[in-house]
Amino acid sequence: GGFGTLDEMFEALTLIQTHKSGKFPVILIGKKFWNGLINWIKDVLLEEEKNISPEDIDLMEIVDTPEEAVNYINDFYKKYHLKPNF
């Protein structure tokens, strides 16, 4: 949850957004923890500055439990007919 985590998250989102990487699940666990940053992204980057598009918000998923994260990962790979590489 520190600067390194934020760096990795934004790097992953940027690679997906710019099509330099294939789409993969970016999951943030803990809605209460991440809510302030996500609201800032939506309010400032998306609405005020228009630095991202509405589709970019959908590049990440915010959940509260590890079980929700696993379900999201499973659903993601079923939806895109892919298999995880682990």
PDB file of N, CA and C in Angstrom:
ATOM      1  N   GLY A   1       0.793  -1.201   0.000  1.00  0.00           N
ATOM      2  CA  GLY A   1       0.000   0.000   0.000  1.00  0.00           C
ATOM      3  C   GLY A   1       0.838   1.268   0.000  1.00  0.00           C
ATOM      4  N   GLY A   2       2.149   1.171  -0.153  1.00  0.00           N
ATOM      5  CA  GLY A   2       2.993   2.363  -0.162  1.00  0.00           C
ATOM      6  C   GLY A   2       3.298   2.838  -1.572  1.00  0.00           C
ATOM      7  N   PHE A   3       4.334   3.654  -1.691  1.00  0.00           N
ATOM      8  CA  PHE A   3       4.698   4.218  -2.998  1.00  0.00           C
ATOM      9  C   PHE A   3       5.041   3.141  -4.020  1.00  0.00           C
ATOM     10  N   GLY A   4       5.713   2.091  -3.574  1.00  0.00           N
ATOM     11  CA  GLY A   4       6.063   1.012  -4.498  1.00  0.00           C
ATOM     12  C   GLY A   4       4.834   0.335  -5.071  1.00  0.00           C
ATOM     13  N   THR A   5       3.839   0.109  -4.222  1.00  0.00           N
ATOM     14  CA  THR A   5       2.582  -0.497  -4.678  1.00  0.00           C
ATOM     15  C   THR A   5       1.891   0.409  -5.681  1.00  0.00           C
ATOM     16  N   LEU A   6       1.849   1.701  -5.384  1.00  0.00           N
ATOM     17  CA  LEU A   6       1.220   2.656  -6.305  1.00  0.00           C
ATOM     18  C   LEU A   6       1.966   2.697  -7.638  1.00  0.00           C
ATOM     19  N   ASP A   7       3.290   2.672  -7.568  1.00  0.00           N
ATOM     20  CA  ASP A   7       4.101   2.666  -8.780  1.00  0.00           C
ATOM     21  C   ASP A   7       3.778   1.447  -9.635  1.00  0.00           C
ATOM     22  N   GLU A   8       3.748   0.278  -9.026  1.00  0.00           N
ATOM     23  CA  GLU A   8       3.452  -0.953  -9.764  1.00  0.00           C
ATOM     24  C   GLU A   8       2.037  -0.925 -10.335  1.00  0.00           C
ATOM     25  N   MET A   9       1.078  -0.432  -9.559  1.00  0.00           N
ATOM     26  CA  MET A   9      -0.307  -0.368 -10.025  1.00  0.00           C
ATOM     27  C   MET A   9      -0.428   0.550 -11.242  1.00  0.00           C
ATOM     28  N   PHE A  10       0.122   1.747 -11.134  1.00  0.00           N
ATOM     29  CA  PHE A  10       0.004   2.692 -12.245  1.00  0.00           C
ATOM     30  C   PHE A  10       0.798   2.220 -13.465  1.00  0.00           C
ATOM     31  N   GLU A  11       1.922   1.569 -13.247  1.00  0.00           N
ATOM     32  CA  GLU A  11       2.694   1.019 -14.367  1.00  0.00           C
ATOM     33  C   GLU A  11       1.884  -0.056 -15.082  1.00  0.00           C
ATOM     34  N   ALA A  12       1.267  -0.952 -14.327  1.00  0.00           N
ATOM     35  CA  ALA A  12       0.436  -2.009 -14.922  1.00  0.00           C
ATOM     36  C   ALA A  12      -0.729  -1.403 -15.703  1.00  0.00           C
ATOM     37  N   LEU A  13      -1.409  -0.438 -15.097  1.00  0.00           N
ATOM     38  CA  LEU A  13      -2.545   0.194 -15.770  1.00  0.00           C
ATOM     39  C   LEU A  13      -2.113   0.922 -17.039  1.00  0.00           C
ATOM     40  N   THR A  14      -0.965   1.578 -16.982  1.00  0.00           N
ATOM     41  CA  THR A  14      -0.452   2.290 -18.156  1.00  0.00           C
ATOM     42  C   THR A  14      -0.108   1.331 -19.284  1.00  0.00           C
ATOM     43  N   LEU A  15       0.515   0.212 -18.962  1.00  0.00           N
ATOM     44  CA  LEU A  15       0.868  -0.769 -19.996  1.00  0.00           C
ATOM     45  C   LEU A  15      -0.381  -1.334 -20.671  1.00  0.00           C
ATOM     46  N   ILE A  16      -1.410  -1.602 -19.884  1.00  0.00           N
ATOM     47  CA  ILE A  16      -2.666  -2.096 -20.463  1.00  0.00           C
ATOM     48  C   ILE A  16      -3.334  -0.993 -21.277  1.00  0.00           C
ATOM     49  N   GLN A  17      -3.413   0.199 -20.706  1.00  0.00           N
ATOM     50  CA  GLN A  17      -4.074   1.342 -21.357  1.00  0.00           C
ATOM     51  C   GLN A  17      -3.451   1.667 -22.708  1.00  0.00           C
ATOM     52  N   THR A  18      -2.140   1.583 -22.804  1.00  0.00           N
ATOM     53  CA  THR A  18      -1.436   1.947 -24.037  1.00  0.00           C
ATOM     54  C   THR A  18      -1.203   0.757 -24.961  1.00  0.00           C
ATOM     55  N   HIS A  19      -1.797  -0.381 -24.594  1.00  0.00           N
ATOM     56  CA  HIS A  19      -1.706  -1.610 -25.403  1.00  0.00           C
ATOM     57  C   HIS A  19      -0.271  -2.113 -25.566  1.00  0.00           C
ATOM     58  N   LYS A  20       0.575  -1.793 -24.594  1.00  0.00           N
ATOM     59  CA  LYS A  20       1.938  -2.313 -24.607  1.00  0.00           C
ATOM     60  C   LYS A  20       1.984  -3.677 -23.917  1.00  0.00           C
ATOM     61  N   SER A  21       0.875  -4.020 -23.285  1.00  0.00           N
ATOM     62  CA  SER A  21       0.725  -5.315 -22.639  1.00  0.00           C
ATOM     63  C   SER A  21      -0.708  -5.775 -22.873  1.00  0.00           C
ATOM     64  N   GLY A  22      -0.891  -7.081 -22.930  1.00  0.00           N
ATOM     65  CA  GLY A  22      -2.245  -7.602 -22.998  1.00  0.00           C
ATOM     66  C   GLY A  22      -2.972  -7.320 -21.695  1.00  0.00           C
ATOM     67  N   LYS A  23      -4.282  -7.359 -21.752  1.00  0.00           N
ATOM     68  CA  LYS A  23      -5.077  -7.088 -20.558  1.00  0.00           C
ATOM     69  C   LYS A  23      -4.907  -8.225 -19.560  1.00  0.00           C
ATOM     70  N   PHE A  24      -4.764  -7.865 -18.295  1.00  0.00           N
ATOM     71  CA  PHE A  24      -4.695  -8.825 -17.202  1.00  0.00           C
ATOM     72  C   PHE A  24      -5.373  -8.197 -15.991  1.00  0.00           C
ATOM     73  N   PRO A  25      -5.799  -9.022 -15.036  1.00  0.00           N
ATOM     74  CA  PRO A  25      -6.518  -8.470 -13.875  1.00  0.00           C
ATOM     75  C   PRO A  25      -5.630  -7.598 -13.000  1.00  0.00           C
ATOM     76  N   VAL A  26      -6.101  -6.395 -12.716  1.00  0.00           N
ATOM     77  CA  VAL A  26      -5.476  -5.516 -11.730  1.00  0.00           C
ATOM     78  C   VAL A  26      -6.517  -5.368 -10.624  1.00  0.00           C
ATOM     79  N   ILE A  27      -6.229  -5.968  -9.495  1.00  0.00           N
ATOM     80  CA  ILE A  27      -7.207  -6.040  -8.416  1.00  0.00           C
ATOM     81  C   ILE A  27      -6.655  -5.331  -7.188  1.00  0.00           C
ATOM     82  N   LEU A  28      -7.463  -4.436  -6.642  1.00  0.00           N
ATOM     83  CA  LEU A  28      -7.122  -3.716  -5.417  1.00  0.00           C
ATOM     84  C   LEU A  28      -8.001  -4.282  -4.312  1.00  0.00           C
ATOM     85  N   ILE A  29      -7.399  -4.741  -3.243  1.00  0.00           N
ATOM     86  CA  ILE A  29      -8.165  -5.344  -2.157  1.00  0.00           C
ATOM     87  C   ILE A  29      -8.273  -4.357  -1.003  1.00  0.00           C
ATOM     88  N   GLY A  30      -9.522  -4.083  -0.633  1.00  0.00           N
ATOM     89  CA  GLY A  30      -9.814  -3.173   0.474  1.00  0.00           C
ATOM     90  C   GLY A  30     -10.440  -1.883  -0.037  1.00  0.00           C
ATOM     91  N   LYS A  31     -11.735  -1.898  -0.237  1.00  0.00           N
ATOM     92  CA  LYS A  31     -12.421  -0.716  -0.787  1.00  0.00           C
ATOM     93  C   LYS A  31     -12.197   0.512   0.079  1.00  0.00           C
ATOM     94  N   LYS A  32     -12.248   0.348   1.393  1.00  0.00           N
ATOM     95  CA  LYS A  32     -12.050   1.492   2.293  1.00  0.00           C
ATOM     96  C   LYS A  32     -10.655   2.087   2.109  1.00  0.00           C
ATOM     97  N   PHE A  33      -9.655   1.217   1.984  1.00  0.00           N
ATOM     98  CA  PHE A  33      -8.271   1.662   1.816  1.00  0.00           C
ATOM     99  C   PHE A  33      -8.082   2.423   0.508  1.00  0.00           C
ATOM    100  N   TRP A  34      -8.622   1.898  -0.596  1.00  0.00           N
ATOM    101  CA  TRP A  34      -8.379   2.448  -1.927  1.00  0.00           C
ATOM    102  C   TRP A  34      -9.389   3.522  -2.339  1.00  0.00           C
ATOM    103  N   ASN A  35     -10.471   3.678  -1.611  1.00  0.00           N
ATOM    104  CA  ASN A  35     -11.562   4.563  -2.019  1.00  0.00           C
ATOM    105  C   ASN A  35     -11.128   6.002  -2.287  1.00  0.00           C
ATOM    106  N   GLY A  36     -10.304   6.570  -1.439  1.00  0.00           N
ATOM    107  CA  GLY A  36      -9.880   7.964  -1.620  1.00  0.00           C
ATOM    108  C   GLY A  36      -9.115   8.162  -2.919  1.00  0.00           C
ATOM    109  N   LEU A  37      -8.193   7.251  -3.221  1.00  0.00           N
ATOM    110  CA  LEU A  37      -7.411   7.347  -4.455  1.00  0.00           C
ATOM    111  C   LEU A  37      -8.308   7.156  -5.675  1.00  0.00           C
ATOM    112  N   ILE A  38      -9.197   6.194  -5.612  1.00  0.00           N
ATOM    113  CA  ILE A  38     -10.092   5.927  -6.744  1.00  0.00           C
ATOM    114  C   ILE A  38     -11.009   7.118  -6.986  1.00  0.00           C
ATOM    115  N   ASN A  39     -11.515   7.717  -5.925  1.00  0.00           N
ATOM    116  CA  ASN A  39     -12.350   8.918  -6.093  1.00  0.00           C
ATOM    117  C   ASN A  39     -11.554  10.047  -6.728  1.00  0.00           C
ATOM    118  N   TRP A  40     -10.292  10.227  -6.323  1.00  0.00           N
ATOM    119  CA  TRP A  40      -9.446  11.256  -6.922  1.00  0.00           C
ATOM    120  C   TRP A  40      -9.217  10.970  -8.402  1.00  0.00           C
ATOM    121  N   ILE A  41      -8.945   9.722  -8.736  1.00  0.00           N
ATOM    122  CA  ILE A  41      -8.754   9.347 -10.136  1.00  0.00           C
ATOM    123  C   ILE A  41      -9.992   9.704 -10.951  1.00  0.00           C
ATOM    124  N   LYS A  42     -11.160   9.354 -10.423  1.00  0.00           N
ATOM    125  CA  LYS A  42     -12.408   9.637 -11.141  1.00  0.00           C
ATOM    126  C   LYS A  42     -12.688  11.140 -11.215  1.00  0.00           C
ATOM    127  N   ASP A  43     -12.562  11.828 -10.077  1.00  0.00           N
ATOM    128  CA  ASP A  43     -12.909  13.250 -10.020  1.00  0.00           C
ATOM    129  C   ASP A  43     -11.919  14.135 -10.773  1.00  0.00           C
ATOM    130  N   VAL A  44     -10.627  13.876 -10.585  1.00  0.00           N
ATOM    131  CA  VAL A  44      -9.610  14.764 -11.151  1.00  0.00           C
ATOM    132  C   VAL A  44      -9.124  14.280 -12.513  1.00  0.00           C
ATOM    133  N   LEU A  45      -8.589  13.071 -12.580  1.00  0.00           N
ATOM    134  CA  LEU A  45      -8.028  12.594 -13.847  1.00  0.00           C
ATOM    135  C   LEU A  45      -9.094  12.424 -14.922  1.00  0.00           C
ATOM    136  N   LEU A  46     -10.234  11.873 -14.545  1.00  0.00           N
ATOM    137  CA  LEU A  46     -11.278  11.603 -15.530  1.00  0.00           C
ATOM    138  C   LEU A  46     -12.141  12.834 -15.792  1.00  0.00           C
ATOM    139  N   GLU A  47     -12.769  13.375 -14.763  1.00  0.00           N
ATOM    140  CA  GLU A  47     -13.759  14.439 -14.949  1.00  0.00           C
ATOM    141  C   GLU A  47     -13.146  15.822 -15.182  1.00  0.00           C
ATOM    142  N   GLU A  48     -12.250  16.248 -14.304  1.00  0.00           N
ATOM    143  CA  GLU A  48     -11.719  17.609 -14.395  1.00  0.00           C
ATOM    144  C   GLU A  48     -10.668  17.762 -15.493  1.00  0.00           C
ATOM    145  N   GLU A  49      -9.674  16.930 -15.471  1.00  0.00           N
ATOM    146  CA  GLU A  49      -8.541  17.080 -16.385  1.00  0.00           C
ATOM    147  C   GLU A  49      -8.692  16.303 -17.685  1.00  0.00           C
ATOM    148  N   LYS A  50      -9.558  15.296 -17.671  1.00  0.00           N
ATOM    149  CA  LYS A  50      -9.793  14.450 -18.850  1.00  0.00           C
ATOM    150  C   LYS A  50      -8.495  13.804 -19.357  1.00  0.00           C
ATOM    151  N   ASN A  51      -7.654  13.377 -18.399  1.00  0.00           N
ATOM    152  CA  ASN A  51      -6.394  12.712 -18.734  1.00  0.00           C
ATOM    153  C   ASN A  51      -6.577  11.224 -19.027  1.00  0.00           C
ATOM    154  N   ILE A  52      -7.699  10.668 -18.626  1.00  0.00           N
ATOM    155  CA  ILE A  52      -8.018   9.273 -18.908  1.00  0.00           C
ATOM    156  C   ILE A  52      -9.432   9.207 -19.453  1.00  0.00           C
ATOM    157  N   SER A  53      -9.762   8.076 -20.044  1.00  0.00           N
ATOM    158  CA  SER A  53     -11.113   7.891 -20.573  1.00  0.00           C
ATOM    159  C   SER A  53     -11.919   7.026 -19.603  1.00  0.00           C
ATOM    160  N   PRO A  54     -13.245   7.058 -19.716  1.00  0.00           N
ATOM    161  CA  PRO A  54     -14.068   6.246 -18.806  1.00  0.00           C
ATOM    162  C   PRO A  54     -13.706   4.761 -18.832  1.00  0.00           C
ATOM    163  N   GLU A  55     -13.279   4.252 -19.977  1.00  0.00           N
ATOM    164  CA  GLU A  55     -12.911   2.835 -20.076  1.00  0.00           C
ATOM    165  C   GLU A  55     -11.703   2.501 -19.206  1.00  0.00           C
ATOM    166  N   ASP A  56     -10.863   3.493 -18.969  1.00  0.00           N
ATOM    167  CA  ASP A  56      -9.668   3.249 -18.175  1.00  0.00           C
ATOM    168  C   ASP A  56     -10.003   2.891 -16.726  1.00  0.00           C
ATOM    169  N   ILE A  57     -11.115   3.389 -16.226  1.00  0.00           N
ATOM    170  CA  ILE A  57     -11.539   3.054 -14.869  1.00  0.00           C
ATOM    171  C   ILE A  57     -11.793   1.550 -14.756  1.00  0.00           C
ATOM    172  N   ASP A  58     -12.266   0.960 -15.844  1.00  0.00           N
ATOM    173  CA  ASP A  58     -12.591  -0.468 -15.838  1.00  0.00           C
ATOM    174  C   ASP A  58     -11.358  -1.366 -15.937  1.00  0.00           C
ATOM    175  N   LEU A  59     -10.166  -0.788 -16.024  1.00  0.00           N
ATOM    176  CA  LEU A  59      -8.945  -1.597 -16.080  1.00  0.00           C
ATOM    177  C   LEU A  59      -8.584  -2.183 -14.725  1.00  0.00           C
ATOM    178  N   MET A  60      -9.263  -1.719 -13.677  1.00  0.00           N
ATOM    179  CA  MET A  60      -8.985  -2.232 -12.338  1.00  0.00           C
ATOM    180  C   MET A  60     -10.286  -2.607 -11.652  1.00  0.00           C
ATOM    181  N   GLU A  61     -10.177  -3.501 -10.712  1.00  0.00           N
ATOM    182  CA  GLU A  61     -11.323  -3.958  -9.932  1.00  0.00           C
ATOM    183  C   GLU A  61     -10.978  -3.798  -8.455  1.00  0.00           C
ATOM    184  N   ILE A  62     -11.933  -3.287  -7.683  1.00  0.00           N
ATOM    185  CA  ILE A  62     -11.717  -3.095  -6.259  1.00  0.00           C
ATOM    186  C   ILE A  62     -12.641  -4.044  -5.517  1.00  0.00           C
ATOM    187  N   VAL A  63     -12.069  -4.854  -4.651  1.00  0.00           N
ATOM    188  CA  VAL A  63     -12.827  -5.840  -3.881  1.00  0.00           C
ATOM    189  C   VAL A  63     -12.449  -5.720  -2.412  1.00  0.00           C
ATOM    190  N   ASP A  64     -13.184  -6.437  -1.577  1.00  0.00           N
ATOM    191  CA  ASP A  64     -12.893  -6.390  -0.149  1.00  0.00           C
ATOM    192  C   ASP A  64     -12.239  -7.642   0.405  1.00  0.00           C
ATOM    193  N   THR A  65     -12.378  -8.753  -0.296  1.00  0.00           N
ATOM    194  CA  THR A  65     -11.868 -10.002   0.267  1.00  0.00           C
ATOM    195  C   THR A  65     -11.020 -10.759  -0.753  1.00  0.00           C
ATOM    196  N   PRO A  66     -10.140 -11.606  -0.260  1.00  0.00           N
ATOM    197  CA  PRO A  66      -9.373 -12.457  -1.179  1.00  0.00           C
ATOM    198  C   PRO A  66     -10.289 -13.353  -2.024  1.00  0.00           C
ATOM    199  N   GLU A  67     -11.389 -13.791  -1.447  1.00  0.00           N
ATOM    200  CA  GLU A  67     -12.328 -14.634  -2.193  1.00  0.00           C
ATOM    201  C   GLU A  67     -12.921 -13.885  -3.382  1.00  0.00           C
ATOM    202  N   GLU A  68     -13.249 -12.623  -3.177  1.00  0.00           N
ATOM    203  CA  GLU A  68     -13.750 -11.806  -4.285  1.00  0.00           C
ATOM    204  C   GLU A  68     -12.682 -11.645  -5.360  1.00  0.00           C
ATOM    205  N   ALA A  69     -11.442 -11.505  -4.941  1.00  0.00           N
ATOM    206  CA  ALA A  69     -10.342 -11.376  -5.898  1.00  0.00           C
ATOM    207  C   ALA A  69     -10.208 -12.643  -6.731  1.00  0.00           C
ATOM    208  N   VAL A  70     -10.256 -13.800  -6.082  1.00  0.00           N
ATOM    209  CA  VAL A  70     -10.157 -15.066  -6.803  1.00  0.00           C
ATOM    210  C   VAL A  70     -11.321 -15.215  -7.776  1.00  0.00           C
ATOM    211  N   ASN A  71     -12.527 -14.880  -7.333  1.00  0.00           N
ATOM    212  CA  ASN A  71     -13.694 -14.959  -8.220  1.00  0.00           C
ATOM    213  C   ASN A  71     -13.531 -14.036  -9.425  1.00  0.00           C
ATOM    214  N   TYR A  72     -13.016 -12.840  -9.195  1.00  0.00           N
ATOM    215  CA  TYR A  72     -12.802 -11.898 -10.303  1.00  0.00           C
ATOM    216  C   TYR A  72     -11.777 -12.457 -11.290  1.00  0.00           C
ATOM    217  N   ILE A  73     -10.708 -13.015 -10.779  1.00  0.00           N
ATOM    218  CA  ILE A  73      -9.678 -13.598 -11.644  1.00  0.00           C
ATOM    219  C   ILE A  73     -10.264 -14.734 -12.469  1.00  0.00           C
ATOM    220  N   ASN A  74     -10.998 -15.622 -11.820  1.00  0.00           N
ATOM    221  CA  ASN A  74     -11.614 -16.735 -12.550  1.00  0.00           C
ATOM    222  C   ASN A  74     -12.578 -16.236 -13.619  1.00  0.00           C
ATOM    223  N   ASP A  75     -13.408 -15.263 -13.271  1.00  0.00           N
ATOM    224  CA  ASP A  75     -14.356 -14.702 -14.243  1.00  0.00           C
ATOM    225  C   ASP A  75     -13.637 -14.011 -15.394  1.00  0.00           C
ATOM    226  N   PHE A  76     -12.556 -13.300 -15.077  1.00  0.00           N
ATOM    227  CA  PHE A  76     -11.783 -12.605 -16.101  1.00  0.00           C
ATOM    228  C   PHE A  76     -11.274 -13.591 -17.144  1.00  0.00           C
ATOM    229  N   TYR A  77     -10.648 -14.663 -16.687  1.00  0.00           N
ATOM    230  CA  TYR A  77     -10.063 -15.613 -17.631  1.00  0.00           C
ATOM    231  C   TYR A  77     -11.123 -16.399 -18.400  1.00  0.00           C
ATOM    232  N   LYS A  78     -12.274 -16.626 -17.791  1.00  0.00           N
ATOM    233  CA  LYS A  78     -13.377 -17.262 -18.525  1.00  0.00           C
ATOM    234  C   LYS A  78     -13.907 -16.320 -19.603  1.00  0.00           C
ATOM    235  N   LYS A  79     -14.061 -15.052 -19.254  1.00  0.00           N
ATOM    236  CA  LYS A  79     -14.604 -14.053 -20.185  1.00  0.00           C
ATOM    237  C   LYS A  79     -13.718 -13.911 -21.420  1.00  0.00           C
ATOM    238  N   TYR A  80     -12.419 -13.893 -21.221  1.00  0.00           N
ATOM    239  CA  TYR A  80     -11.489 -13.671 -22.328  1.00  0.00           C
ATOM    240  C   TYR A  80     -10.932 -14.982 -22.897  1.00  0.00           C
ATOM    241  N   HIS A  81     -11.449 -16.107 -22.419  1.00  0.00           N
ATOM    242  CA  HIS A  81     -11.020 -17.415 -22.912  1.00  0.00           C
ATOM    243  C   HIS A  81      -9.507 -17.578 -22.836  1.00  0.00           C
ATOM    244  N   LEU A  82      -8.962 -17.163 -21.708  1.00  0.00           N
ATOM    245  CA  LEU A  82      -7.529 -17.252 -21.471  1.00  0.00           C
ATOM    246  C   LEU A  82      -7.282 -18.154 -20.274  1.00  0.00           C
ATOM    247  N   LYS A  83      -6.048 -18.509 -20.089  1.00  0.00           N
ATOM    248  CA  LYS A  83      -5.642 -19.241 -18.905  1.00  0.00           C
ATOM    249  C   LYS A  83      -4.527 -18.457 -18.238  1.00  0.00           C
ATOM    250  N   PRO A  84      -4.551 -18.384 -16.900  1.00  0.00           N
ATOM    251  CA  PRO A  84      -3.461 -17.681 -16.234  1.00  0.00           C
ATOM    252  C   PRO A  84      -2.143 -18.398 -16.483  1.00  0.00           C
ATOM    253  N   ASN A  85      -1.046 -17.657 -16.407  1.00  0.00           N
ATOM    254  CA  ASN A  85       0.262 -18.252 -16.670  1.00  0.00           C
ATOM    255  C   ASN A  85       0.965 -18.680 -15.376  1.00  0.00           C
ATOM    256  N   PHE A  86       0.180 -19.090 -14.406  1.00  0.00           N
ATOM    257  CA  PHE A  86       0.751 -19.579 -13.154  1.00  0.00           C
ATOM    258  C   PHE A  86       0.141 -20.897 -12.786  1.00  0.00           C
TER     259      PHE A  86
END
